[in-house]
C-alpha atoms as a PDB file:
ATOM      1  CA  MET A   1       0.000   0.000   0.000  1.00  0.00           C
ATOM      2  CA  SER A   2       1.500   3.350  -0.998  1.00  0.00           C
ATOM      3  CA  SER A   3       0.631   6.643   0.592  1.00  0.00           C
ATOM      4  CA  SER A   4      -0.397   9.457  -1.657  1.00  0.00           C
ATOM      5  CA  VAL A   5      -0.041  13.166  -0.998  1.00  0.00           C
ATOM      6  CA  SER A   6      -1.920  15.775  -2.955  1.00  0.00           C
ATOM      7  CA  ALA A   7      -0.055  18.467  -4.832  1.00  0.00           C
ATOM      8  CA  THR A   8      -1.439  21.045  -2.395  1.00  0.00           C
ATOM      9  CA  GLU A   9      -0.236  19.066   0.633  1.00  0.00           C
ATOM     10  CA  ALA A  10       3.173  18.591  -0.964  1.00  0.00           C
ATOM     11  CA  ALA A  11       3.406  22.312  -1.754  1.00  0.00           C
ATOM     12  CA  ASP A  12       2.556  23.130   1.885  1.00  0.00           C
ATOM     13  CA  VAL A  13       5.228  20.742   3.170  1.00  0.00           C
ATOM     14  CA  ILE A  14       7.811  22.072   0.727  1.00  0.00           C
ATOM     15  CA  GLY A  15       6.974  25.705   1.469  1.00  0.00           C
ATOM     16  CA  GLY A  16       7.218  25.178   5.214  1.00  0.00           C
ATOM     17  CA  ALA A  17      10.461  23.244   4.898  1.00  0.00           C
ATOM     18  CA  ARG A  18      11.988  25.937   2.690  1.00  0.00           C
ATOM     19  CA  GLU A  19      11.071  28.606   5.247  1.00  0.00           C
ATOM     20  CA  ARG A  20      12.807  26.513   7.912  1.00  0.00           C
ATOM     21  CA  ILE A  21      15.897  26.121   5.696  1.00  0.00           C
ATOM     22  CA  ASP A  22      15.987  29.892   5.109  1.00  0.00           C
ATOM     23  CA  ALA A  23      15.815  30.487   8.869  1.00  0.00           C
ATOM     24  CA  LEU A  24      18.575  27.937   9.491  1.00  0.00           C
ATOM     25  CA  ASP A  25      20.732  29.516   6.775  1.00  0.00           C
ATOM     26  CA  GLY A  26      20.293  32.903   8.464  1.00  0.00           C
ATOM     27  CA  ARG A  27      21.460  31.454  11.770  1.00  0.00           C
ATOM     28  CA  ILE A  28      24.406  29.711  10.101  1.00  0.00           C
ATOM     29  CA  LEU A  29      25.479  32.951   8.402  1.00  0.00           C
ATOM     30  CA  ASP A  30      25.244  34.834  11.705  1.00  0.00           C
ATOM     31  CA  LEU A  31      27.371  32.145  13.385  1.00  0.00           C
ATOM     32  CA  VAL A  32      29.963  32.273  10.594  1.00  0.00           C
ATOM     33  CA  ARG A  33      30.239  36.053  10.993  1.00  0.00           C
ATOM     34  CA  GLU A  34      30.621  35.600  14.756  1.00  0.00           C
ATOM     35  CA  ARG A  35      33.285  32.925  14.185  1.00  0.00           C
ATOM     36  CA  MET A  36      35.147  35.301  11.860  1.00  0.00           C
ATOM     37  CA  ALA A  37      35.202  38.019  14.542  1.00  0.00           C
ATOM     38  CA  VAL A  38      36.438  35.613  17.230  1.00  0.00           C
ATOM     39  CA  SER A  39      39.112  34.281  14.886  1.00  0.00           C
ATOM     40  CA  ALA A  40      40.283  37.832  14.120  1.00  0.00           C
ATOM     41  CA  ALA A  41      40.617  38.554  17.855  1.00  0.00           C
ATOM     42  CA  ILE A  42      42.685  35.384  18.322  1.00  0.00           C
ATOM     43  CA  GLN A  43      44.936  36.265  15.382  1.00  0.00           C
ATOM     44  CA  GLU A  44      45.489  39.797  16.690  1.00  0.00           C
ATOM     45  CA  ALA A  45      46.399  38.511  20.169  1.00  0.00           C
ATOM     46  CA  ARG A  46      48.701  35.834  18.755  1.00  0.00           C
ATOM     47  CA  ILE A  47      50.523  38.306  16.472  1.00  0.00           C
ATOM     48  CA  ALA A  48      50.763  40.938  19.231  1.00  0.00           C
ATOM     49  CA  SER A  49      52.470  38.375  21.450  1.00  0.00           C
ATOM     50  CA  GLY A  50      55.002  37.494  18.769  1.00  0.00           C
ATOM     51  CA  GLY A  51      53.235  34.399  17.490  1.00  0.00           C
ATOM     52  CA  ARG A  52      52.202  33.365  14.029  1.00  0.00           C
ATOM     53  CA  ARG A  53      48.886  34.351  12.492  1.00  0.00           C
ATOM     54  CA  VAL A  54      47.927  30.719  11.911  1.00  0.00           C
ATOM     55  CA  GLN A  55      48.392  27.715  14.188  1.00  0.00           C
ATOM     56  CA  LEU A  56      48.405  24.697  11.897  1.00  0.00           C
ATOM     57  CA  SER A  57      47.991  22.117  14.696  1.00  0.00           C
ATOM     58  CA  ARG A  58      44.770  23.846  15.732  1.00  0.00           C
ATOM     59  CA  GLU A  59      43.543  23.896  12.149  1.00  0.00           C
ATOM     60  CA  MET A  60      44.208  20.152  11.869  1.00  0.00           C
ATOM     61  CA  GLU A  61      42.048  19.580  14.978  1.00  0.00           C
ATOM     62  CA  ILE A  62      39.214  21.561  13.379  1.00  0.00           C
ATOM     63  CA  LEU A  63      39.535  19.713  10.062  1.00  0.00           C
ATOM     64  CA  ASP A  64      39.486  16.383  11.872  1.00  0.00           C
ATOM     65  CA  ARG A  65      36.407  17.320  13.920  1.00  0.00           C
ATOM     66  CA  TYR A  66      34.427  18.275  10.811  1.00  0.00           C
ATOM     67  CA  ARG A  67      35.607  15.180   8.917  1.00  0.00           C
ATOM     68  CA  GLN A  68      34.581  12.886  11.772  1.00  0.00           C
ATOM     69  CA  ARG A  69      31.110  14.394  11.967  1.00  0.00           C
ATOM     70  CA  LEU A  70      30.376  14.978   8.272  1.00  0.00           C
ATOM     71  CA  GLY A  71      32.789  12.812   6.302  1.00  0.00           C
ATOM     72  CA  LYS A  72      34.820  14.132   3.390  1.00  0.00           C
ATOM     73  CA  PRO A  73      32.411  17.027   2.693  1.00  0.00           C
ATOM     74  CA  GLY A  74      33.015  18.107   6.299  1.00  0.00           C
ATOM     75  CA  THR A  75      36.684  18.624   5.497  1.00  0.00           C
ATOM     76  CA  THR A  76      35.737  20.843   2.573  1.00  0.00           C
ATOM     77  CA  LEU A  77      33.337  22.807   4.771  1.00  0.00           C
ATOM     78  CA  ALA A  78      35.990  23.234   7.473  1.00  0.00           C
ATOM     79  CA  MET A  79      38.555  24.414   4.912  1.00  0.00           C
ATOM     80  CA  THR A  80      36.087  27.006   3.663  1.00  0.00           C
ATOM     81  CA  LEU A  81      35.372  28.194   7.205  1.00  0.00           C
ATOM     82  CA  LEU A  82      39.076  28.392   8.008  1.00  0.00           C
ATOM     83  CA  GLU A  83      39.720  30.409   4.856  1.00  0.00           C
ATOM     84  CA  LEU A  84      36.864  32.774   5.670  1.00  0.00           C
ATOM     85  CA  CYS A  85      38.114  33.242   9.214  1.00  0.00           C
ATOM     86  CA  ARG A  86      41.865  33.513   8.716  1.00  0.00           C
ATOM     87  CA  GLY A  87      42.248  34.287   5.030  1.00  0.00           C
ATOM     88  CA  ARG A  88      44.315  32.339   2.548  1.00  0.00           C
ATOM     89  CA  ILE A  89      47.653  30.974   3.671  1.00  0.00           C
END
């Protein structure tokens, strides 16, 4: 027995789900901007104390965390976040 959904019901589900995705995307973008600001503060403090702008061991931890949770696409996402937050190296 297969369940059938009317076009109107499907449109309602899709519309509601898209609104939820848009709201989630807004939150994600806000969090990325916040992460960028925190990263900039860390970089400034590290440079002011004579350190390097980037700490590669820390970046490897972040890449590993994303890969463990999301697989290979997680690594790509983490690389993009790192580039947004610290610039290209």
